[in-house]
């Protein structure tokens, strides 16, 4: 009898089979199913991140001729890109400050508005909740390009909707996207329209997870509506606050499409609409300084990780 026939005979009788596959298939099969994701993750995430880290220590000097095989001529510069970026580059400093201002404006204004919308949609007497959720969420799923073109019309100095509303109160028109002093307020307004409804859904999910019996017990003990909200509802929403702040921070420093399309120069008057990701794009693809652009990406990553770590550390002291 052949070896394969003996194996089949053993399996039919329920005997253990000593082959490698029989012993390890339970461990191997999950990785086979995960392999498409793992392969794409390695190709499109790990490899580009590693290549960018390598490039951040290089300077692009030019290209090899086709006779020499083509490719990019690199020159090792050590930490020169990082040193110049952190000590001499004023545009990068401006981009970081703009990102911080946008993050502060959107988070400090956006969170209360999103929480208020969530409380309104969670109220028992409010009707058409499903329609309201769809209406508030629609701006987030709208293409960023479409949003930028819409707000180009909204912020137009002559015929814009916002200046038309201001004109009703007898005020002069404002150059929202031409005056550097109003560029950041204009971007914050755009951000509120886009993300308030999106973040309100997270607050709504958090509100629905607050135990009703705990709130009822507090009311029986004499706590008013505000005390119940402050001492019970708000602490239970802590994970939502952490999530909204961290994603808002990352989104603020990664802002690109809206200001790039909103302003003629791509960065606003006197770089008032310049953000770190935009500056990375300009350095890498307009000036072809790929090494310097890679350094910008890694410095930006470190900044976001540090600020996120500080936020998580601060929220550890606020416990339910």
Protein backbone atom coordinates (compact mmCIF):
# COMPACT_ATOMS: atom_id res chain seq x y z
CA UNK A 1 0.00 0.00 0.00
CA UNK A 2 1.32 3.44 -0.92
CA UNK A 3 2.05 6.17 1.65
CA UNK A 4 -0.84 8.35 0.42
CA UNK A 5 -3.26 5.42 0.63
CA UNK A 6 -2.08 4.68 4.15
CA UNK A 7 -2.66 8.33 5.14
CA UNK A 8 -6.18 8.29 3.75
CA UNK A 9 -6.85 5.00 5.54
CA UNK A 10 -5.60 6.43 8.85
CA UNK A 11 -7.78 9.55 8.48
CA UNK A 12 -10.80 7.40 7.70
CA UNK A 13 -10.23 5.43 10.90
CA UNK A 14 -9.66 8.61 12.93
CA UNK A 15 -5.97 7.92 13.57
CA UNK A 16 -3.62 10.91 13.97
CA UNK A 17 -1.59 11.82 10.92
CA UNK A 18 1.97 12.92 11.62
CA UNK A 19 2.42 15.23 8.59
CA UNK A 20 3.60 18.84 9.07
CA UNK A 21 0.42 20.29 7.58
CA UNK A 22 -1.80 18.22 9.85
CA UNK A 23 0.09 19.37 12.91
CA UNK A 24 0.25 23.09 11.99
CA UNK A 25 -2.73 23.85 9.79
CA UNK A 26 -4.67 25.52 12.63
CA UNK A 27 -1.77 27.91 13.13
CA UNK A 28 -1.03 28.51 9.45
CA UNK A 29 -4.53 29.00 8.01
CA UNK A 30 -5.19 32.35 9.80
CA UNK A 31 -1.97 33.76 8.30
CA UNK A 32 -3.00 32.57 4.84
CA UNK A 33 -6.22 34.54 5.13
CA UNK A 34 -4.32 37.54 6.48
CA UNK A 35 -1.63 37.38 3.81
CA UNK A 36 -3.36 39.72 1.27
CA UNK A 37 -3.56 42.47 3.87
CA UNK A 38 -0.08 41.81 5.26
CA UNK A 39 1.43 41.81 1.76
CA UNK A 40 -0.28 45.06 0.76
CA UNK A 41 0.67 46.61 4.12
CA UNK A 42 4.32 45.72 3.56
CA UNK A 43 4.32 47.00 -0.04
CA UNK A 44 2.29 50.21 0.37
CA UNK A 45 3.07 51.21 3.99
CA UNK A 46 6.20 49.64 5.47
CA UNK A 47 8.36 49.91 2.34
CA UNK A 48 7.46 53.58 1.57
CA UNK A 49 8.00 54.52 5.23
CA UNK A 50 11.40 52.84 5.21
CA UNK A 51 12.37 54.42 1.89
CA UNK A 52 11.30 57.85 3.16
CA UNK A 53 13.38 57.38 6.31
CA UNK A 54 16.40 56.53 4.14
CA UNK A 55 15.73 59.54 1.89
CA UNK A 56 15.48 61.90 4.87
CA UNK A 57 19.27 61.59 5.27
CA UNK A 58 19.95 62.13 1.56
CA UNK A 59 19.99 64.95 -0.95
CA UNK A 60 18.82 64.42 -4.52
CA UNK A 61 21.60 65.53 -6.84
CA UNK A 62 20.05 64.63 -10.18
CA UNK A 63 19.43 61.58 -12.36
CA UNK A 64 21.55 58.92 -13.96
CA UNK A 65 21.43 58.83 -17.75
CA UNK A 66 19.55 55.97 -19.45
CA UNK A 67 22.92 54.55 -20.53
CA UNK A 68 23.89 54.33 -16.86
CA UNK A 69 20.68 52.55 -15.94
CA UNK A 70 18.57 55.54 -14.90
CA UNK A 71 17.57 56.34 -11.32
CA UNK A 72 18.16 59.16 -8.87
CA UNK A 73 21.59 60.39 -7.82
CA UNK A 74 21.69 60.69 -4.03
CA UNK A 75 24.21 62.33 -1.73
CA UNK A 76 24.36 61.38 1.94
CA UNK A 77 23.88 64.48 4.11
CA UNK A 78 23.46 62.98 7.57
CA UNK A 79 21.26 65.13 9.82
CA UNK A 80 21.58 68.26 7.66
CA UNK A 81 17.95 68.09 6.47
CA UNK A 82 16.66 67.83 10.05
CA UNK A 83 18.99 70.57 11.31
CA UNK A 84 17.95 72.99 8.59
CA UNK A 85 14.29 72.15 9.07
CA UNK A 86 14.29 72.72 12.82
CA UNK A 87 16.61 75.72 13.04
CA UNK A 88 16.51 77.69 9.78
CA UNK A 89 13.27 76.99 7.93
CA UNK A 90 10.82 79.77 8.73
CA UNK A 91 8.16 78.44 6.34
CA UNK A 92 8.01 75.14 8.20
CA UNK A 93 7.65 77.02 11.47
CA UNK A 94 4.80 79.03 9.94
CA UNK A 95 3.12 75.83 8.75
CA UNK A 96 3.34 74.29 12.24
CA UNK A 97 1.89 77.44 13.83
CA UNK A 98 -0.95 77.50 11.29
CA UNK A 99 -1.69 73.84 12.01
CA UNK A 100 -1.73 74.50 15.76
CA UNK A 101 -4.05 77.50 15.35
CA UNK A 102 -6.42 75.52 13.15
CA UNK A 103 -6.37 72.60 15.61
CA UNK A 104 -7.10 74.88 18.56
CA UNK A 105 -9.87 76.70 16.73
CA UNK A 106 -11.59 73.61 15.39
CA UNK A 107 -11.27 71.54 18.57
CA UNK A 108 -12.26 74.24 21.06
CA UNK A 109 -15.23 75.35 18.96
CA UNK A 110 -16.04 72.08 17.28
CA UNK A 111 -16.26 69.86 20.37
CA UNK A 112 -18.95 71.90 22.17
CA UNK A 113 -20.95 72.22 18.95
CA UNK A 114 -20.66 68.51 18.18
CA UNK A 115 -21.66 67.63 21.75
CA UNK A 116 -24.62 70.02 21.55
CA UNK A 117 -25.81 68.45 18.29
CA UNK A 118 -25.44 64.98 19.85
CA UNK A 119 -27.47 66.02 22.92
CA UNK A 120 -30.16 67.40 20.63
CA UNK A 121 -30.33 64.21 18.59
CA UNK A 122 -30.34 62.11 21.77
CA UNK A 123 -33.27 64.01 23.31
CA UNK A 124 -36.41 61.83 23.47
CA UNK A 125 -38.79 64.51 22.16
CA UNK A 126 -36.81 65.26 18.96
CA UNK A 127 -38.38 63.84 15.79
CA UNK A 128 -36.78 62.79 12.48
CA UNK A 129 -33.53 61.77 14.19
CA UNK A 130 -32.42 59.52 11.34
CA UNK A 131 -32.85 62.30 8.80
CA UNK A 132 -30.98 64.72 11.07
CA UNK A 133 -28.06 62.32 11.43
CA UNK A 134 -27.85 61.94 7.67
CA UNK A 135 -27.96 65.70 7.16
CA UNK A 136 -25.21 66.34 9.70
CA UNK A 137 -23.02 63.51 8.37
CA UNK A 138 -23.41 64.44 4.67
CA UNK A 139 -20.72 67.20 4.66
CA UNK A 140 -18.09 64.72 5.84
CA UNK A 141 -18.69 62.25 3.01
CA UNK A 142 -18.81 65.03 0.42
CA UNK A 143 -15.66 65.20 -1.71
CA UNK A 144 -13.09 67.63 -0.32
CA UNK A 145 -12.70 69.07 -3.82
CA UNK A 146 -16.41 69.82 -4.02
CA UNK A 147 -16.34 71.36 -0.54
CA UNK A 148 -13.42 73.61 -1.51
CA UNK A 149 -15.20 74.85 -4.64
CA UNK A 150 -18.43 75.47 -2.71
CA UNK A 151 -16.64 77.55 -0.10
CA UNK A 152 -14.80 79.45 -2.80
CA UNK A 153 -18.23 80.83 -3.68
CA UNK A 154 -19.23 81.24 -0.03
CA UNK A 155 -16.11 83.29 0.74
CA UNK A 156 -16.18 85.37 -2.45
CA UNK A 157 -15.60 89.03 -1.56
CA UNK A 158 -18.22 90.43 -3.96
CA UNK A 159 -20.89 87.80 -4.36
CA UNK A 160 -20.21 85.37 -1.51
CA UNK A 161 -22.97 84.14 0.76
CA UNK A 162 -21.06 85.01 3.93
CA UNK A 163 -20.48 88.62 2.91
CA UNK A 164 -24.14 88.87 1.87
CA UNK A 165 -25.16 87.91 5.41
CA UNK A 166 -22.66 90.37 6.88
CA UNK A 167 -24.03 93.09 4.59
CA UNK A 168 -27.48 92.70 6.17
CA UNK A 169 -26.00 94.17 9.36
CA UNK A 170 -24.45 97.11 7.53
CA UNK A 171 -20.89 95.76 7.67
CA UNK A 172 -18.36 95.97 4.87
CA UNK A 173 -17.40 92.93 2.84
CA UNK A 174 -14.40 90.91 4.01
CA UNK A 175 -11.75 89.32 1.83
CA UNK A 176 -11.93 85.95 3.54
CA UNK A 177 -9.41 84.25 1.27
CA UNK A 178 -7.43 87.35 0.26
CA UNK A 179 -6.80 89.02 3.61
CA UNK A 180 -4.25 87.11 5.70
CA UNK A 181 -6.00 88.11 8.93
CA UNK A 182 -9.20 86.33 7.89
CA UNK A 183 -7.73 83.24 6.24
CA UNK A 184 -7.65 81.19 9.46
CA UNK A 185 -11.21 82.12 10.54
CA UNK A 186 -12.38 81.15 7.04
CA UNK A 187 -10.66 77.77 7.27
CA UNK A 188 -12.08 77.18 10.75
CA UNK A 189 -15.60 77.90 9.45
CA UNK A 190 -15.01 75.41 6.65
CA UNK A 191 -13.76 72.86 9.18
CA UNK A 192 -16.79 73.33 11.42
CA UNK A 193 -19.17 72.77 8.51
CA UNK A 194 -17.31 69.62 7.53
CA UNK A 195 -16.60 67.89 10.85
CA UNK A 196 -19.17 68.99 13.46
CA UNK A 197 -21.77 66.51 12.22
CA UNK A 198 -19.21 63.74 11.87
CA UNK A 199 -17.95 64.11 15.44
CA UNK A 200 -21.49 64.49 16.80
CA UNK A 201 -22.15 60.87 15.81
CA UNK A 202 -19.34 59.73 18.11
CA UNK A 203 -20.73 61.81 20.95
CA UNK A 204 -24.18 60.40 20.22
CA UNK A 205 -22.84 56.85 20.48
CA UNK A 206 -21.17 57.77 23.77
CA UNK A 207 -24.35 59.32 25.16
CA UNK A 208 -26.30 56.17 24.39
CA UNK A 209 -23.80 54.15 26.45
CA UNK A 210 -24.25 56.23 29.61
CA UNK A 211 -26.21 54.02 32.11
CA UNK A 212 -29.72 55.36 32.62
CA UNK A 213 -30.00 53.76 36.07
CA UNK A 214 -26.93 55.73 37.22
CA UNK A 215 -28.47 59.00 36.09
CA UNK A 216 -31.79 58.08 37.67
CA UNK A 217 -30.08 57.26 40.97
CA UNK A 218 -28.36 60.65 40.92
CA UNK A 219 -31.69 62.40 40.34
CA UNK A 220 -33.25 60.50 43.24
CA UNK A 221 -30.39 61.72 45.45
CA UNK A 222 -31.28 65.29 44.51
CA UNK A 223 -28.86 66.02 41.67
CA UNK A 224 -30.12 68.47 39.06
CA UNK A 225 -29.79 68.16 35.30
CA UNK A 226 -26.53 70.12 35.14
CA UNK A 227 -24.91 68.12 37.96
CA UNK A 228 -25.94 64.83 36.35
CA UNK A 229 -24.49 66.02 33.06
CA UNK A 230 -21.23 67.24 34.59
CA UNK A 231 -20.55 64.42 37.06
CA UNK A 232 -21.95 61.43 35.15
CA UNK A 233 -22.38 62.10 31.42
CA UNK A 234 -19.14 64.00 30.81
CA UNK A 235 -16.85 61.44 32.54
CA UNK A 236 -18.43 58.62 30.55
CA UNK A 237 -17.67 60.56 27.36
CA UNK A 238 -13.96 60.70 28.12
CA UNK A 239 -12.97 58.15 25.41
CA UNK A 240 -14.96 60.14 22.86
CA UNK A 241 -13.22 63.37 23.85
CA UNK A 242 -9.83 61.66 23.50
CA UNK A 243 -10.73 60.29 20.07
CA UNK A 244 -12.13 63.60 18.77
CA UNK A 245 -9.15 65.62 19.99
CA UNK A 246 -6.53 63.23 18.60
CA UNK A 247 -8.22 62.85 15.20
CA UNK A 248 -8.80 66.60 15.08
CA UNK A 249 -5.12 67.22 15.78
CA UNK A 250 -3.96 64.80 13.10
CA UNK A 251 -6.47 66.19 10.60
CA UNK A 252 -5.41 69.77 11.32
CA UNK A 253 -1.73 69.17 10.60
CA UNK A 254 -2.63 67.00 7.58
CA UNK A 255 -4.95 69.55 5.98
CA UNK A 256 -4.21 69.82 2.28
CA UNK A 257 -7.03 69.70 -0.28
CA UNK A 258 -9.24 72.54 0.98
CA UNK A 259 -6.58 75.28 1.38
CA UNK A 260 -4.70 74.11 -1.72
CA UNK A 261 -7.81 74.64 -3.86
CA UNK A 262 -9.17 77.59 -1.92
CA UNK A 263 -6.21 79.90 -2.47
CA UNK A 264 -4.68 80.90 -5.79
CA UNK A 265 -1.13 80.37 -4.55
CA UNK A 266 -2.01 77.18 -2.70
CA UNK A 267 -0.72 78.59 0.60
CA UNK A 268 -2.78 81.74 1.05
CA UNK A 269 -1.54 85.33 1.28
CA UNK A 270 1.83 85.46 3.06
CA UNK A 271 1.63 81.73 3.82
CA UNK A 272 -1.37 82.28 6.10
CA UNK A 273 -2.95 79.10 4.71
CA UNK A 274 0.18 76.97 4.63
CA UNK A 275 0.02 73.66 6.52
CA UNK A 276 2.76 71.06 7.15
CA UNK A 277 1.45 68.49 4.68
CA UNK A 278 1.16 71.18 2.00
CA UNK A 279 4.72 72.28 2.67
CA UNK A 280 5.87 68.67 2.36
CA UNK A 281 4.12 68.48 -1.03
CA UNK A 282 5.69 71.73 -2.25
CA UNK A 283 9.19 70.64 -1.21
CA UNK A 284 8.88 67.14 -2.61
CA UNK A 285 6.99 67.63 -5.87
CA UNK A 286 7.41 71.29 -6.80
CA UNK A 287 11.07 71.68 -5.80
CA UNK A 288 11.93 67.97 -6.05
CA UNK A 289 13.73 68.03 -2.70
CA UNK A 290 12.63 64.52 -1.80
CA UNK A 291 15.10 64.11 1.05
CA UNK A 292 13.99 67.35 2.67
CA UNK A 293 10.33 66.43 2.18
CA UNK A 294 10.94 63.06 3.85
CA UNK A 295 12.51 64.83 6.81
CA UNK A 296 9.43 67.05 7.05
CA UNK A 297 7.22 63.97 7.14
CA UNK A 298 9.16 62.35 9.97
CA UNK A 299 9.41 65.54 12.04
CA UNK A 300 5.67 66.03 11.62
CA UNK A 301 5.06 62.43 12.72
CA UNK A 302 7.17 62.94 15.85
CA UNK A 303 5.32 66.17 16.70
CA UNK A 304 1.93 64.50 16.37
CA UNK A 305 3.05 61.50 18.46
CA UNK A 306 4.42 63.76 21.21
CA UNK A 307 1.29 65.90 21.41
CA UNK A 308 -0.92 62.80 21.32
CA UNK A 309 1.11 61.23 24.12
CA UNK A 310 0.73 64.36 26.24
CA UNK A 311 -3.02 64.34 25.67
CA UNK A 312 -3.32 60.67 26.64
CA UNK A 313 -1.25 61.33 29.75
CA UNK A 314 -3.47 64.25 30.75
CA UNK A 315 -6.64 62.25 30.20
CA UNK A 316 -5.35 59.51 32.52
CA UNK A 317 -5.93 61.88 35.44
CA UNK A 318 -9.58 62.30 34.47
CA UNK A 319 -11.17 59.04 35.49
CA UNK A 320 -14.78 57.95 35.59
